[in-house]
Amino acid sequence: MATPGGKVNIGIFIYDNAEVLDIGGPFEVFSVAKRLFEETWNVFTIADTKHTVYARGNLPIVPHYSLAEHPPIDILCVVGVNILRC
């Protein structure tokens, strides 16, 4: 499940008004695991566009990539529980 070159690309999808911990928690877990165990992991954030996303509390976060320009993804983490509302 690795991309060419042996890298495993882990994309974390972020969006406006997401909980800060919902974004930061998975990013930190994958980043620490990369540092300690899996150096081949490439962890990055993705948003609809490359423009700043504002998480809860108006915390600005600049995504690494947009949906139109991200590298191939092996694992996609969609954060939060309030993405779909009925």
PDB file of N, CA and C in Angstrom:
ATOM      1  N   MET A   1       0.814  -1.189   0.000  1.00  0.00           N
ATOM      2  CA  MET A   1       0.000   0.000   0.000  1.00  0.00           C
ATOM      3  C   MET A   1       0.860   1.255   0.000  1.00  0.00           C
ATOM      4  N   ALA A   2       2.060   1.178  -0.482  1.00  0.00           N
ATOM      5  CA  ALA A   2       2.917   2.356  -0.517  1.00  0.00           C
ATOM      6  C   ALA A   2       2.980   2.898  -1.936  1.00  0.00           C
ATOM      7  N   THR A   3       3.203   4.190  -2.042  1.00  0.00           N
ATOM      8  CA  THR A   3       3.357   4.826  -3.333  1.00  0.00           C
ATOM      9  C   THR A   3       4.760   4.532  -3.858  1.00  0.00           C
ATOM     10  N   PRO A   4       5.040   4.817  -5.122  1.00  0.00           N
ATOM     11  CA  PRO A   4       6.384   4.588  -5.651  1.00  0.00           C
ATOM     12  C   PRO A   4       7.439   5.260  -4.762  1.00  0.00           C
ATOM     13  N   GLY A   5       8.504   4.555  -4.515  1.00  0.00           N
ATOM     14  CA  GLY A   5       9.545   5.068  -3.640  1.00  0.00           C
ATOM     15  C   GLY A   5       9.384   4.594  -2.211  1.00  0.00           C
ATOM     16  N   GLY A   6       8.340   3.802  -1.932  1.00  0.00           N
ATOM     17  CA  GLY A   6       8.164   3.240  -0.602  1.00  0.00           C
ATOM     18  C   GLY A   6       7.481   4.145   0.404  1.00  0.00           C
ATOM     19  N   LYS A   7       7.089   5.340   0.011  1.00  0.00           N
ATOM     20  CA  LYS A   7       6.404   6.251   0.929  1.00  0.00           C
ATOM     21  C   LYS A   7       4.952   5.838   1.113  1.00  0.00           C
ATOM     22  N   VAL A   8       4.446   6.019   2.309  1.00  0.00           N
ATOM     23  CA  VAL A   8       3.024   5.845   2.587  1.00  0.00           C
ATOM     24  C   VAL A   8       2.460   7.234   2.834  1.00  0.00           C
ATOM     25  N   ASN A   9       1.602   7.699   1.944  1.00  0.00           N
ATOM     26  CA  ASN A   9       1.024   9.033   2.055  1.00  0.00           C
ATOM     27  C   ASN A   9      -0.251   8.994   2.886  1.00  0.00           C
ATOM     28  N   ILE A  10      -0.242   9.771   3.961  1.00  0.00           N
ATOM     29  CA  ILE A  10      -1.381   9.854   4.869  1.00  0.00           C
ATOM     30  C   ILE A  10      -1.930  11.270   4.804  1.00  0.00           C
ATOM     31  N   GLY A  11      -3.107  11.410   4.205  1.00  0.00           N
ATOM     32  CA  GLY A  11      -3.738  12.717   4.078  1.00  0.00           C
ATOM     33  C   GLY A  11      -4.800  12.907   5.146  1.00  0.00           C
ATOM     34  N   ILE A  12      -4.791  14.067   5.767  1.00  0.00           N
ATOM     35  CA  ILE A  12      -5.796  14.420   6.765  1.00  0.00           C
ATOM     36  C   ILE A  12      -6.631  15.548   6.181  1.00  0.00           C
ATOM     37  N   PHE A  13      -7.904  15.252   5.908  1.00  0.00           N
ATOM     38  CA  PHE A  13      -8.792  16.251   5.318  1.00  0.00           C
ATOM     39  C   PHE A  13      -9.287  17.200   6.407  1.00  0.00           C
ATOM     40  N   ILE A  14      -9.115  18.500   6.176  1.00  0.00           N
ATOM     41  CA  ILE A  14      -9.537  19.509   7.146  1.00  0.00           C
ATOM     42  C   ILE A  14     -10.539  20.452   6.490  1.00  0.00           C
ATOM     43  N   TYR A  15     -11.346  21.094   7.318  1.00  0.00           N
ATOM     44  CA  TYR A  15     -12.411  21.958   6.802  1.00  0.00           C
ATOM     45  C   TYR A  15     -12.747  23.007   7.856  1.00  0.00           C
ATOM     46  N   ASP A  16     -13.411  24.070   7.419  1.00  0.00           N
ATOM     47  CA  ASP A  16     -13.797  25.153   8.321  1.00  0.00           C
ATOM     48  C   ASP A  16     -14.658  24.637   9.468  1.00  0.00           C
ATOM     49  N   ASN A  17     -14.414  25.177  10.630  1.00  0.00           N
ATOM     50  CA  ASN A  17     -15.177  24.936  11.851  1.00  0.00           C
ATOM     51  C   ASN A  17     -14.997  23.530  12.436  1.00  0.00           C
ATOM     52  N   ALA A  18     -13.976  22.796  11.961  1.00  0.00           N
ATOM     53  CA  ALA A  18     -13.662  21.505  12.574  1.00  0.00           C
ATOM     54  C   ALA A  18     -13.061  21.761  13.959  1.00  0.00           C
ATOM     55  N   GLU A  19     -13.225  20.810  14.853  1.00  0.00           N
ATOM     56  CA  GLU A  19     -12.619  20.922  16.179  1.00  0.00           C
ATOM     57  C   GLU A  19     -11.102  20.895  16.039  1.00  0.00           C
ATOM     58  N   VAL A  20     -10.427  21.754  16.773  1.00  0.00           N
ATOM     59  CA  VAL A  20      -8.971  21.837  16.712  1.00  0.00           C
ATOM     60  C   VAL A  20      -8.339  20.489  17.060  1.00  0.00           C
ATOM     61  N   LEU A  21      -8.830  19.824  18.096  1.00  0.00           N
ATOM     62  CA  LEU A  21      -8.274  18.526  18.480  1.00  0.00           C
ATOM     63  C   LEU A  21      -8.544  17.443  17.448  1.00  0.00           C
ATOM     64  N   ASP A  22      -9.635  17.549  16.706  1.00  0.00           N
ATOM     65  CA  ASP A  22      -9.928  16.580  15.656  1.00  0.00           C
ATOM     66  C   ASP A  22      -8.911  16.676  14.524  1.00  0.00           C
ATOM     67  N   ILE A  23      -8.361  17.846  14.319  1.00  0.00           N
ATOM     68  CA  ILE A  23      -7.312  18.030  13.308  1.00  0.00           C
ATOM     69  C   ILE A  23      -5.945  17.720  13.909  1.00  0.00           C
ATOM     70  N   GLY A  24      -5.657  18.337  15.030  1.00  0.00           N
ATOM     71  CA  GLY A  24      -4.338  18.210  15.647  1.00  0.00           C
ATOM     72  C   GLY A  24      -4.042  16.828  16.192  1.00  0.00           C
ATOM     73  N   GLY A  25      -5.057  16.151  16.731  1.00  0.00           N
ATOM     74  CA  GLY A  25      -4.847  14.831  17.323  1.00  0.00           C
ATOM     75  C   GLY A  25      -4.329  13.813  16.320  1.00  0.00           C
ATOM     76  N   PRO A  26      -5.062  13.561  15.226  1.00  0.00           N
ATOM     77  CA  PRO A  26      -4.556  12.599  14.237  1.00  0.00           C
ATOM     78  C   PRO A  26      -3.227  13.028  13.618  1.00  0.00           C
ATOM     79  N   PHE A  27      -3.072  14.326  13.370  1.00  0.00           N
ATOM     80  CA  PHE A  27      -1.816  14.787  12.787  1.00  0.00           C
ATOM     81  C   PHE A  27      -0.663  14.471  13.734  1.00  0.00           C
ATOM     82  N   GLU A  28      -0.834  14.721  15.019  1.00  0.00           N
ATOM     83  CA  GLU A  28       0.215  14.457  16.004  1.00  0.00           C
ATOM     84  C   GLU A  28       0.500  12.960  16.122  1.00  0.00           C
ATOM     85  N   VAL A  29      -0.545  12.133  16.174  1.00  0.00           N
ATOM     86  CA  VAL A  29      -0.352  10.681  16.298  1.00  0.00           C
ATOM     87  C   VAL A  29       0.448  10.142  15.117  1.00  0.00           C
ATOM     88  N   PHE A  30       0.038  10.479  13.901  1.00  0.00           N
ATOM     89  CA  PHE A  30       0.754   9.983  12.727  1.00  0.00           C
ATOM     90  C   PHE A  30       2.170  10.556  12.646  1.00  0.00           C
ATOM     91  N   SER A  31       2.345  11.814  13.017  1.00  0.00           N
ATOM     92  CA  SER A  31       3.665  12.440  12.966  1.00  0.00           C
ATOM     93  C   SER A  31       4.626  11.818  13.976  1.00  0.00           C
ATOM     94  N   VAL A  32       4.148  11.541  15.183  1.00  0.00           N
ATOM     95  CA  VAL A  32       5.000  10.912  16.193  1.00  0.00           C
ATOM     96  C   VAL A  32       5.327   9.475  15.777  1.00  0.00           C
ATOM     97  N   ALA A  33       4.339   8.750  15.269  1.00  0.00           N
ATOM     98  CA  ALA A  33       4.592   7.386  14.795  1.00  0.00           C
ATOM     99  C   ALA A  33       5.617   7.393  13.664  1.00  0.00           C
ATOM    100  N   LYS A  34       5.524   8.381  12.794  1.00  0.00           N
ATOM    101  CA  LYS A  34       6.501   8.516  11.712  1.00  0.00           C
ATOM    102  C   LYS A  34       7.895   8.711  12.284  1.00  0.00           C
ATOM    103  N   ARG A  35       8.010   9.600  13.236  1.00  0.00           N
ATOM    104  CA  ARG A  35       9.312   9.905  13.835  1.00  0.00           C
ATOM    105  C   ARG A  35       9.897   8.693  14.562  1.00  0.00           C
ATOM    106  N   LEU A  36       9.058   7.933  15.258  1.00  0.00           N
ATOM    107  CA  LEU A  36       9.547   6.837  16.086  1.00  0.00           C
ATOM    108  C   LEU A  36       9.654   5.498  15.360  1.00  0.00           C
ATOM    109  N   PHE A  37       8.737   5.235  14.409  1.00  0.00           N
ATOM    110  CA  PHE A  37       8.661   3.889  13.844  1.00  0.00           C
ATOM    111  C   PHE A  37       8.655   3.810  12.329  1.00  0.00           C
ATOM    112  N   GLU A  38       7.965   4.705  11.682  1.00  0.00           N
ATOM    113  CA  GLU A  38       7.722   4.586  10.244  1.00  0.00           C
ATOM    114  C   GLU A  38       8.224   5.809   9.481  1.00  0.00           C
ATOM    115  N   GLU A  39       9.506   5.873   9.261  1.00  0.00           N
ATOM    116  CA  GLU A  39      10.081   7.039   8.595  1.00  0.00           C
ATOM    117  C   GLU A  39       9.558   7.221   7.171  1.00  0.00           C
ATOM    118  N   THR A  40       8.979   6.190   6.608  1.00  0.00           N
ATOM    119  CA  THR A  40       8.481   6.284   5.231  1.00  0.00           C
ATOM    120  C   THR A  40       7.118   6.964   5.148  1.00  0.00           C
ATOM    121  N   TRP A  41       6.495   7.247   6.289  1.00  0.00           N
ATOM    122  CA  TRP A  41       5.191   7.897   6.267  1.00  0.00           C
ATOM    123  C   TRP A  41       5.346   9.363   5.889  1.00  0.00           C
ATOM    124  N   ASN A  42       4.453   9.842   5.050  1.00  0.00           N
ATOM    125  CA  ASN A  42       4.383  11.244   4.653  1.00  0.00           C
ATOM    126  C   ASN A  42       3.011  11.755   5.090  1.00  0.00           C
ATOM    127  N   VAL A  43       2.979  12.573   6.129  1.00  0.00           N
ATOM    128  CA  VAL A  43       1.720  13.040   6.713  1.00  0.00           C
ATOM    129  C   VAL A  43       1.464  14.478   6.264  1.00  0.00           C
ATOM    130  N   PHE A  44       0.254  14.728   5.747  1.00  0.00           N
ATOM    131  CA  PHE A  44      -0.058  16.075   5.267  1.00  0.00           C
ATOM    132  C   PHE A  44      -1.547  16.360   5.398  1.00  0.00           C
ATOM    133  N   THR A  45      -1.886  17.642   5.346  1.00  0.00           N
ATOM    134  CA  THR A  45      -3.289  18.069   5.408  1.00  0.00           C
ATOM    135  C   THR A  45      -3.779  18.425   4.006  1.00  0.00           C
ATOM    136  N   ILE A  46      -5.084  18.226   3.815  1.00  0.00           N
ATOM    137  CA  ILE A  46      -5.746  18.530   2.544  1.00  0.00           C
ATOM    138  C   ILE A  46      -7.029  19.286   2.864  1.00  0.00           C
ATOM    139  N   ALA A  47      -7.343  20.277   2.047  1.00  0.00           N
ATOM    140  CA  ALA A  47      -8.615  20.997   2.172  1.00  0.00           C
ATOM    141  C   ALA A  47      -9.192  21.194   0.775  1.00  0.00           C
ATOM    142  N   ASP A  48     -10.410  21.694   0.712  1.00  0.00           N
ATOM    143  CA  ASP A  48     -11.047  21.938  -0.586  1.00  0.00           C
ATOM    144  C   ASP A  48     -10.150  22.782  -1.487  1.00  0.00           C
ATOM    145  N   THR A  49      -9.587  23.831  -0.906  1.00  0.00           N
ATOM    146  CA  THR A  49      -8.657  24.697  -1.637  1.00  0.00           C
ATOM    147  C   THR A  49      -7.410  24.876  -0.775  1.00  0.00           C
ATOM    148  N   LYS A  50      -6.419  25.535  -1.313  1.00  0.00           N
ATOM    149  CA  LYS A  50      -5.176  25.771  -0.574  1.00  0.00           C
ATOM    150  C   LYS A  50      -5.293  26.994   0.346  1.00  0.00           C
ATOM    151  N   HIS A  51      -6.478  27.592   0.402  1.00  0.00           N
ATOM    152  CA  HIS A  51      -6.684  28.756   1.260  1.00  0.00           C
ATOM    153  C   HIS A  51      -6.778  28.345   2.729  1.00  0.00           C
ATOM    154  N   THR A  52      -6.530  29.276   3.598  1.00  0.00           N
ATOM    155  CA  THR A  52      -6.574  29.036   5.038  1.00  0.00           C
ATOM    156  C   THR A  52      -7.932  28.492   5.460  1.00  0.00           C
ATOM    157  N   VAL A  53      -7.889  27.469   6.302  1.00  0.00           N
ATOM    158  CA  VAL A  53      -9.081  26.884   6.911  1.00  0.00           C
ATOM    159  C   VAL A  53      -9.145  27.428   8.331  1.00  0.00           C
ATOM    160  N   TYR A  54     -10.344  27.751   8.794  1.00  0.00           N
ATOM    161  CA  TYR A  54     -10.501  28.272  10.157  1.00  0.00           C
ATOM    162  C   TYR A  54     -11.216  27.245  11.017  1.00  0.00           C
ATOM    163  N   ALA A  55     -10.462  26.622  11.917  1.00  0.00           N
ATOM    164  CA  ALA A  55     -11.026  25.629  12.829  1.00  0.00           C
ATOM    165  C   ALA A  55     -11.821  26.368  13.912  1.00  0.00           C
ATOM    166  N   ARG A  56     -12.443  25.586  14.784  1.00  0.00           N
ATOM    167  CA  ARG A  56     -13.217  26.187  15.884  1.00  0.00           C
ATOM    168  C   ARG A  56     -12.356  27.180  16.644  1.00  0.00           C
ATOM    169  N   GLY A  57     -12.973  28.199  17.150  1.00  0.00           N
ATOM    170  CA  GLY A  57     -12.241  29.247  17.853  1.00  0.00           C
ATOM    171  C   GLY A  57     -11.490  30.155  16.901  1.00  0.00           C
ATOM    172  N   ASN A  58     -11.767  29.999  15.589  1.00  0.00           N
ATOM    173  CA  ASN A  58     -11.159  30.821  14.552  1.00  0.00           C
ATOM    174  C   ASN A  58      -9.656  30.593  14.407  1.00  0.00           C
ATOM    175  N   LEU A  59      -9.170  29.374  14.754  1.00  0.00           N
ATOM    176  CA  LEU A  59      -7.753  29.049  14.596  1.00  0.00           C
ATOM    177  C   LEU A  59      -7.450  28.850  13.117  1.00  0.00           C
ATOM    178  N   PRO A  60      -6.559  29.666  12.542  1.00  0.00           N
ATOM    179  CA  PRO A  60      -6.238  29.512  11.126  1.00  0.00           C
ATOM    180  C   PRO A  60      -5.246  28.370  10.897  1.00  0.00           C
ATOM    181  N   ILE A  61      -5.538  27.547   9.881  1.00  0.00           N
ATOM    182  CA  ILE A  61      -4.659  26.450   9.506  1.00  0.00           C
ATOM    183  C   ILE A  61      -4.512  26.472   7.988  1.00  0.00           C
ATOM    184  N   VAL A  62      -3.278  26.508   7.519  1.00  0.00           N
ATOM    185  CA  VAL A  62      -3.031  26.497   6.081  1.00  0.00           C
ATOM    186  C   VAL A  62      -2.769  25.049   5.665  1.00  0.00           C
ATOM    187  N   PRO A  63      -3.613  24.491   4.805  1.00  0.00           N
ATOM    188  CA  PRO A  63      -3.416  23.101   4.376  1.00  0.00           C
ATOM    189  C   PRO A  63      -2.167  22.950   3.518  1.00  0.00           C
ATOM    190  N   HIS A  64      -1.586  21.767   3.568  1.00  0.00           N
ATOM    191  CA  HIS A  64      -0.438  21.488   2.718  1.00  0.00           C
ATOM    192  C   HIS A  64      -0.842  21.424   1.245  1.00  0.00           C
ATOM    193  N   TYR A  65      -2.035  20.854   0.992  1.00  0.00           N
ATOM    194  CA  TYR A  65      -2.493  20.635  -0.381  1.00  0.00           C
ATOM    195  C   TYR A  65      -3.987  20.921  -0.503  1.00  0.00           C
ATOM    196  N   SER A  66      -4.415  21.128  -1.740  1.00  0.00           N
ATOM    197  CA  SER A  66      -5.847  21.215  -2.033  1.00  0.00           C
ATOM    198  C   SER A  66      -6.301  19.877  -2.607  1.00  0.00           C
ATOM    199  N   LEU A  67      -7.617  19.704  -2.741  1.00  0.00           N
ATOM    200  CA  LEU A  67      -8.142  18.486  -3.347  1.00  0.00           C
ATOM    201  C   LEU A  67      -7.666  18.314  -4.792  1.00  0.00           C
ATOM    202  N   ALA A  68      -7.390  19.411  -5.449  1.00  0.00           N
ATOM    203  CA  ALA A  68      -6.986  19.355  -6.852  1.00  0.00           C
ATOM    204  C   ALA A  68      -5.511  19.042  -7.053  1.00  0.00           C
ATOM    205  N   GLU A  69      -4.692  19.153  -6.001  1.00  0.00           N
ATOM    206  CA  GLU A  69      -3.248  19.039  -6.227  1.00  0.00           C
ATOM    207  C   GLU A  69      -2.505  18.143  -5.237  1.00  0.00           C
ATOM    208  N   HIS A  70      -3.176  17.319  -4.478  1.00  0.00           N
ATOM    209  CA  HIS A  70      -2.484  16.486  -3.494  1.00  0.00           C
ATOM    210  C   HIS A  70      -1.777  15.305  -4.157  1.00  0.00           C
ATOM    211  N   PRO A  71      -0.739  14.774  -3.477  1.00  0.00           N
ATOM    212  CA  PRO A  71      -0.098  13.570  -4.000  1.00  0.00           C
ATOM    213  C   PRO A  71      -1.029  12.370  -3.838  1.00  0.00           C
ATOM    214  N   PRO A  72      -0.685  11.239  -4.435  1.00  0.00           N
ATOM    215  CA  PRO A  72      -1.505  10.032  -4.244  1.00  0.00           C
ATOM    216  C   PRO A  72      -1.660   9.739  -2.747  1.00  0.00           C
ATOM    217  N   ILE A  73      -2.849   9.276  -2.355  1.00  0.00           N
ATOM    218  CA  ILE A  73      -3.133   9.038  -0.935  1.00  0.00           C
ATOM    219  C   ILE A  73      -3.297   7.539  -0.688  1.00  0.00           C
ATOM    220  N   ASP A  74      -2.571   7.043   0.306  1.00  0.00           N
ATOM    221  CA  ASP A  74      -2.720   5.649   0.723  1.00  0.00           C
ATOM    222  C   ASP A  74      -3.739   5.527   1.847  1.00  0.00           C
ATOM    223  N   ILE A  75      -3.719   6.486   2.761  1.00  0.00           N
ATOM    224  CA  ILE A  75      -4.657   6.521   3.885  1.00  0.00           C
ATOM    225  C   ILE A  75      -5.240   7.925   3.947  1.00  0.00           C
ATOM    226  N   LEU A  76      -6.573   8.015   3.962  1.00  0.00           N
ATOM    227  CA  LEU A  76      -7.248   9.309   4.094  1.00  0.00           C
ATOM    228  C   LEU A  76      -7.976   9.336   5.426  1.00  0.00           C
ATOM    229  N   CYS A  77      -7.661  10.319   6.226  1.00  0.00           N
ATOM    230  CA  CYS A  77      -8.309  10.509   7.527  1.00  0.00           C
ATOM    231  C   CYS A  77      -9.225  11.730   7.409  1.00  0.00           C
ATOM    232  N   VAL A  78     -10.525  11.502   7.554  1.00  0.00           N
ATOM    233  CA  VAL A  78     -11.489  12.601   7.537  1.00  0.00           C
ATOM    234  C   VAL A  78     -11.846  12.875   8.987  1.00  0.00           C
ATOM    235  N   VAL A  79     -11.459  14.035   9.465  1.00  0.00           N
ATOM    236  CA  VAL A  79     -11.596  14.343  10.887  1.00  0.00           C
ATOM    237  C   VAL A  79     -12.983  14.815  11.241  1.00  0.00           C
ATOM    238  N   GLY A  80     -13.332  14.676  12.515  1.00  0.00           N
ATOM    239  CA  GLY A  80     -14.574  15.226  13.035  1.00  0.00           C
ATOM    240  C   GLY A  80     -15.770  14.313  12.878  1.00  0.00           C
ATOM    241  N   VAL A  81     -16.847  14.720  13.524  1.00  0.00           N
ATOM    242  CA  VAL A  81     -18.081  13.947  13.467  1.00  0.00           C
ATOM    243  C   VAL A  81     -19.240  14.764  12.913  1.00  0.00           C
ATOM    244  N   ASN A  82     -19.024  16.021  12.614  1.00  0.00           N
ATOM    245  CA  ASN A  82     -20.102  16.887  12.164  1.00  0.00           C
ATOM    246  C   ASN A  82     -19.996  17.219  10.678  1.00  0.00           C
ATOM    247  N   ILE A  83     -19.454  16.301   9.916  1.00  0.00           N
ATOM    248  CA  ILE A  83     -19.290  16.563   8.489  1.00  0.00           C
ATOM    249  C   ILE A  83     -20.640  16.529   7.785  1.00  0.00           C
ATOM    250  N   LEU A  84     -21.414  15.506   8.029  1.00  0.00           N
ATOM    251  CA  LEU A  84     -22.729  15.388   7.399  1.00  0.00           C
ATOM    252  C   LEU A  84     -23.808  15.683   8.423  1.00  0.00           C
ATOM    253  N   ARG A  85     -24.715  16.533   8.057  1.00  0.00           N
ATOM    254  CA  ARG A  85     -25.839  16.847   8.943  1.00  0.00           C
ATOM    255  C   ARG A  85     -27.128  16.502   8.244  1.00  0.00           C
ATOM    256  N   CYS A  86     -28.023  15.861   8.956  1.00  0.00           N
ATOM    257  CA  CYS A  86     -29.311  15.485   8.356  1.00  0.00           C
ATOM    258  C   CYS A  86     -30.371  16.504   8.721  1.00  0.00           C
TER     259      CYS A  86
END
